[in-house]
């Protein structure tokens, strides 16, 4: 027999005084869970890199001259994500949106989005004017006064995140105005209002006048948080491997005990 051939006489793998003998169900569970834990770790690392890129893009664009919004619709919204912009025009108080489930300083409320008709055009942009507290009930909507006359708004252009996971149904409740929306769907909003709408919202600058708090967060959690989550997933994967090995270790019986066991088995035979 060649040296590379498997020698059956060697028996199970030994670790110290124990033998490693994998059992069926622990093996199946480990084969299922281990790839999932590793994949979740790499997913969090990807998330951390995405957040770093967002922060870098934001830093670059804070030094660019503000884009003046006019009659022309933005062709490549993602290319202008977090670009500073200005718009002059008049607000329409009748078709405002309240984006639900927004929290400010521990209080639940809405983001107030008001449509602004850009001066001298038939083009509109939705301006996120900030946060307002929820009323005593979901049917008790807050008053939403808008500045009168022509105003100039400064802020950051943002592409809406889209439909959140595990949320079904329409993006908004009911058919009246102002409307409570679970997320911002610019396409549906444009169809319902008939507006020629810019494909981005404008997050109003906190320095602009107004009564609504504006605390825009470019990323909800810093990249370091995602890295820490990745470490946790990889640690769990490592712990799973250790548990699998320990569970499948069996004590090696002393030679005398092994001989007596074999003798007893022979008598029964």
Protein backbone atom coordinates (compact mmCIF):
# COMPACT_ATOMS: atom_id res chain seq x y z
CA UNK A 1 0.00 0.00 0.00
CA UNK A 2 1.35 3.45 -0.91
CA UNK A 3 2.07 6.00 1.79
CA UNK A 4 -0.73 8.28 0.56
CA UNK A 5 -3.45 5.65 0.81
CA UNK A 6 -5.96 5.84 3.63
CA UNK A 7 -5.23 3.34 6.38
CA UNK A 8 -8.52 2.08 7.89
CA UNK A 9 -6.65 0.78 10.90
CA UNK A 10 -6.03 4.32 12.04
CA UNK A 11 -9.71 4.61 13.08
CA UNK A 12 -11.43 7.84 14.18
CA UNK A 13 -9.47 11.07 14.57
CA UNK A 14 -8.14 11.49 18.12
CA UNK A 15 -7.85 14.72 20.11
CA UNK A 16 -5.93 13.95 23.29
CA UNK A 17 -7.69 11.09 25.04
CA UNK A 18 -10.88 11.53 23.03
CA UNK A 19 -12.10 10.45 19.63
CA UNK A 20 -13.86 12.78 17.18
CA UNK A 21 -16.90 10.97 15.86
CA UNK A 22 -19.33 13.30 14.00
CA UNK A 23 -23.00 12.56 14.50
CA UNK A 24 -25.68 13.16 11.90
CA UNK A 25 -27.88 15.91 13.34
CA UNK A 26 -25.10 18.11 14.81
CA UNK A 27 -23.36 17.85 11.43
CA UNK A 28 -26.48 18.86 9.50
CA UNK A 29 -27.19 21.78 11.86
CA UNK A 30 -23.61 23.03 11.58
CA UNK A 31 -23.58 22.76 7.77
CA UNK A 32 -26.78 24.83 7.63
CA UNK A 33 -25.93 27.49 10.22
CA UNK A 34 -22.24 28.05 9.59
CA UNK A 35 -22.57 29.47 6.02
CA UNK A 36 -25.42 31.72 7.20
CA UNK A 37 -23.36 33.19 10.06
CA UNK A 38 -20.36 33.76 7.80
CA UNK A 39 -22.54 35.35 5.10
CA UNK A 40 -24.09 37.72 7.66
CA UNK A 41 -20.61 38.75 8.78
CA UNK A 42 -19.51 39.59 5.24
CA UNK A 43 -22.83 41.38 4.62
CA UNK A 44 -22.13 43.67 7.58
CA UNK A 45 -18.64 44.35 6.25
CA UNK A 46 -20.21 45.31 2.90
CA UNK A 47 -22.63 47.60 4.75
CA UNK A 48 -19.72 49.26 6.53
CA UNK A 49 -18.00 49.91 3.20
CA UNK A 50 -21.21 51.36 1.72
CA UNK A 51 -21.50 53.75 4.67
CA UNK A 52 -17.87 54.85 4.26
CA UNK A 53 -18.55 55.59 0.59
CA UNK A 54 -21.68 57.58 1.49
CA UNK A 55 -19.73 59.64 4.02
CA UNK A 56 -16.94 60.26 1.52
CA UNK A 57 -19.43 61.28 -1.16
CA UNK A 58 -21.13 63.62 1.28
CA UNK A 59 -17.82 65.21 2.26
CA UNK A 60 -16.88 65.78 -1.39
CA UNK A 61 -20.20 67.35 -2.28
CA UNK A 62 -20.26 69.76 0.63
CA UNK A 63 -17.46 71.59 -1.20
CA UNK A 64 -19.31 71.79 -4.52
CA UNK A 65 -21.30 74.85 -5.56
CA UNK A 66 -25.06 74.46 -4.86
CA UNK A 67 -27.17 73.29 -7.78
CA UNK A 68 -29.96 75.72 -8.71
CA UNK A 69 -33.14 73.80 -9.43
CA UNK A 70 -35.06 75.00 -12.46
CA UNK A 71 -37.49 73.80 -15.08
CA UNK A 72 -35.35 70.87 -16.27
CA UNK A 73 -35.85 67.56 -14.50
CA UNK A 74 -32.78 65.90 -13.03
CA UNK A 75 -31.64 63.13 -15.40
CA UNK A 76 -29.39 61.14 -13.05
CA UNK A 77 -30.70 61.43 -9.48
CA UNK A 78 -28.17 59.04 -7.95
CA UNK A 79 -25.29 61.06 -9.38
CA UNK A 80 -26.53 64.10 -7.42
CA UNK A 81 -27.24 62.30 -4.15
CA UNK A 82 -26.38 64.68 -1.25
CA UNK A 83 -25.57 67.53 -3.63
CA UNK A 84 -26.32 70.93 -2.15
CA UNK A 85 -29.13 72.71 -3.98
CA UNK A 86 -31.35 75.76 -3.86
CA UNK A 87 -34.85 76.40 -5.17
CA UNK A 88 -37.05 79.50 -5.34
CA UNK A 89 -40.79 79.23 -5.57
CA UNK A 90 -44.16 79.08 -3.87
CA UNK A 91 -45.45 76.32 -1.59
CA UNK A 92 -48.71 74.47 -2.14
CA UNK A 93 -50.25 73.86 1.30
CA UNK A 94 -52.97 71.50 -0.01
CA UNK A 95 -50.90 68.50 -1.07
CA UNK A 96 -48.48 67.95 1.78
CA UNK A 97 -47.17 64.56 2.92
CA UNK A 98 -46.44 63.35 6.43
CA UNK A 99 -43.87 60.53 6.45
CA UNK A 100 -44.78 58.29 9.39
CA UNK A 101 -42.64 56.70 12.12
CA UNK A 102 -40.04 59.44 12.50
CA UNK A 103 -38.48 59.87 15.94
CA UNK A 104 -36.89 63.05 17.31
CA UNK A 105 -35.43 63.16 20.84
CA UNK A 106 -37.43 60.08 21.81
CA UNK A 107 -40.76 61.39 20.52
CA UNK A 108 -42.74 59.89 17.66
CA UNK A 109 -43.86 62.06 14.79
CA UNK A 110 -43.64 62.77 11.08
CA UNK A 111 -41.38 64.35 8.51
CA UNK A 112 -43.23 67.20 6.78
CA UNK A 113 -42.89 67.23 2.98
CA UNK A 114 -44.30 70.25 1.19
CA UNK A 115 -44.43 70.69 -2.59
CA UNK A 116 -42.71 73.82 -3.93
CA UNK A 117 -43.47 75.11 -7.42
CA UNK A 118 -40.18 76.36 -8.81
CA UNK A 119 -40.45 80.00 -9.80
CA UNK A 120 -41.21 80.64 -13.47
CA UNK A 121 -41.75 76.94 -14.29
CA UNK A 122 -44.32 74.18 -14.09
CA UNK A 123 -41.80 71.97 -12.24
CA UNK A 124 -42.16 71.04 -8.58
CA UNK A 125 -39.85 69.73 -5.89
CA UNK A 126 -40.84 68.13 -2.59
CA UNK A 127 -39.14 69.91 0.30
CA UNK A 128 -38.63 67.99 3.53
CA UNK A 129 -39.10 70.83 6.01
CA UNK A 130 -38.33 68.78 9.13
CA UNK A 131 -40.02 66.92 11.95
CA UNK A 132 -43.36 67.50 13.68
CA UNK A 133 -44.79 65.64 16.68
CA UNK A 134 -47.68 63.23 16.32
CA UNK A 135 -51.02 64.35 17.75
CA UNK A 136 -53.05 62.65 20.44
CA UNK A 137 -54.08 60.01 17.88
CA UNK A 138 -53.30 59.05 14.31
CA UNK A 139 -56.49 60.81 13.23
CA UNK A 140 -55.39 64.03 14.94
CA UNK A 141 -53.00 65.38 12.32
CA UNK A 142 -50.88 68.43 13.12
CA UNK A 143 -51.49 71.78 11.47
CA UNK A 144 -49.08 72.32 8.58
CA UNK A 145 -48.82 76.04 7.77
CA UNK A 146 -46.41 76.95 4.97
CA UNK A 147 -44.51 80.21 4.38
CA UNK A 148 -46.48 82.57 2.17
CA UNK A 149 -45.22 84.11 -1.04
CA UNK A 150 -41.98 83.36 -2.83
CA UNK A 151 -39.34 81.66 -0.71
CA UNK A 152 -35.79 80.47 -1.29
CA UNK A 153 -34.99 77.03 0.10
CA UNK A 154 -31.52 75.60 0.65
CA UNK A 155 -30.69 71.98 1.38
CA UNK A 156 -29.41 68.61 0.25
CA UNK A 157 -30.83 66.56 -2.59
CA UNK A 158 -31.67 63.01 -1.59
CA UNK A 159 -32.96 59.97 -3.44
CA UNK A 160 -35.75 58.41 -1.32
CA UNK A 161 -34.96 54.99 0.14
CA UNK A 162 -38.07 53.40 -1.33
CA UNK A 163 -40.41 50.85 0.18
CA UNK A 164 -39.19 49.47 3.51
CA UNK A 165 -38.92 45.73 4.02
CA UNK A 166 -41.95 43.88 5.38
CA UNK A 167 -44.32 46.75 4.57
CA UNK A 168 -47.27 45.95 2.34
CA UNK A 169 -50.09 47.90 0.77
CA UNK A 170 -50.09 51.42 -0.59
CA UNK A 171 -47.43 53.93 0.33
CA UNK A 172 -50.03 56.24 1.91
CA UNK A 173 -53.17 56.07 4.02
CA UNK A 174 -56.51 57.19 2.58
CA UNK A 175 -56.99 59.56 -0.32
CA UNK A 176 -57.30 62.96 1.35
CA UNK A 177 -54.75 65.70 2.01
CA UNK A 178 -52.53 66.11 3.89
CA UNK A 179 -51.64 62.44 3.53
CA UNK A 180 -49.85 60.15 5.96
CA UNK A 181 -47.34 58.00 4.08
CA UNK A 182 -45.28 55.04 5.22
CA UNK A 183 -42.51 55.95 2.79
CA UNK A 184 -41.92 58.48 0.03
CA UNK A 185 -42.93 57.26 -3.42
CA UNK A 186 -42.27 60.17 -5.76
CA UNK A 187 -43.74 58.42 -8.81
CA UNK A 188 -47.11 57.72 -7.17
CA UNK A 189 -47.19 61.15 -5.56
CA UNK A 190 -46.64 62.79 -8.98
CA UNK A 191 -49.48 60.73 -10.50
CA UNK A 192 -51.87 61.62 -7.68
CA UNK A 193 -51.14 65.33 -7.82
CA UNK A 194 -50.45 65.76 -11.54
CA UNK A 195 -47.22 67.60 -10.72
CA UNK A 196 -44.18 67.58 -12.98
CA UNK A 197 -41.93 66.55 -10.12
CA UNK A 198 -38.19 66.49 -9.62
CA UNK A 199 -37.10 62.86 -8.93
CA UNK A 200 -35.46 63.81 -5.63
CA UNK A 201 -36.52 65.41 -2.37
CA UNK A 202 -34.80 68.46 -0.93
CA UNK A 203 -33.77 68.14 2.73
CA UNK A 204 -34.08 71.71 3.94
CA UNK A 205 -31.00 73.19 5.58
CA UNK A 206 -31.31 73.49 9.39
CA UNK A 207 -30.12 77.11 9.03
CA UNK A 208 -33.16 78.04 6.94
CA UNK A 209 -35.97 79.71 8.88
CA UNK A 210 -38.80 77.49 10.07
CA UNK A 211 -40.37 75.92 13.14
CA UNK A 212 -39.64 72.26 12.38
CA UNK A 213 -36.51 70.61 13.85
CA UNK A 214 -34.12 69.32 11.18
CA UNK A 215 -31.51 66.81 12.26
CA UNK A 216 -30.53 65.02 9.07
CA UNK A 217 -28.39 61.90 9.52
CA UNK A 218 -26.51 60.83 6.43
CA UNK A 219 -26.08 57.31 7.81
CA UNK A 220 -28.20 56.04 10.69
CA UNK A 221 -25.35 53.96 12.17
CA UNK A 222 -21.62 54.65 11.67
CA UNK A 223 -19.46 52.16 9.70
CA UNK A 224 -17.78 51.09 12.94
CA UNK A 225 -21.11 49.76 14.20
CA UNK A 226 -21.49 47.52 11.16
CA UNK A 227 -17.93 46.26 11.66
CA UNK A 228 -18.74 45.39 15.28
CA UNK A 229 -21.82 43.48 14.09
CA UNK A 230 -19.62 41.60 11.59
CA UNK A 231 -17.22 40.63 14.38
CA UNK A 232 -20.18 39.31 16.39
CA UNK A 233 -21.38 37.13 13.48
CA UNK A 234 -17.88 35.76 12.85
CA UNK A 235 -17.46 35.09 16.58
CA UNK A 236 -20.72 33.15 16.59
CA UNK A 237 -19.49 31.15 13.59
CA UNK A 238 -16.28 30.31 15.44
CA UNK A 239 -18.22 29.36 18.56
CA UNK A 240 -20.45 27.08 16.48
CA UNK A 241 -17.40 25.23 15.14
CA UNK A 242 -16.01 24.78 18.66
CA UNK A 243 -19.37 23.53 19.96
CA UNK A 244 -19.60 21.09 17.04
CA UNK A 245 -16.18 19.66 17.82
CA UNK A 246 -16.86 19.37 21.58
CA UNK A 247 -20.27 17.75 21.09
CA UNK A 248 -18.79 15.09 18.82
CA UNK A 249 -15.83 14.16 21.03
CA UNK A 250 -16.07 10.82 22.79
CA UNK A 251 -13.87 9.61 25.62
CA UNK A 252 -11.44 6.87 24.64
CA UNK A 253 -11.89 3.89 27.06
CA UNK A 254 -8.76 2.59 28.84
CA UNK A 255 -7.24 -0.54 27.27
CA UNK A 256 -8.58 -2.88 30.01
CA UNK A 257 -12.06 -1.43 29.74
CA UNK A 258 -11.96 -1.72 26.00
CA UNK A 259 -10.89 -5.37 26.20
CA UNK A 260 -13.68 -6.23 28.67
CA UNK A 261 -16.20 -4.47 26.49
CA UNK A 262 -15.07 -6.41 23.46
CA UNK A 263 -15.15 -9.69 25.45
CA UNK A 264 -18.69 -8.99 26.62
CA UNK A 265 -19.76 -8.30 23.09
CA UNK A 266 -18.18 -11.61 22.00
CA UNK A 267 -20.10 -13.56 24.65
CA UNK A 268 -23.37 -12.05 23.51
CA UNK A 269 -22.50 -13.01 19.98
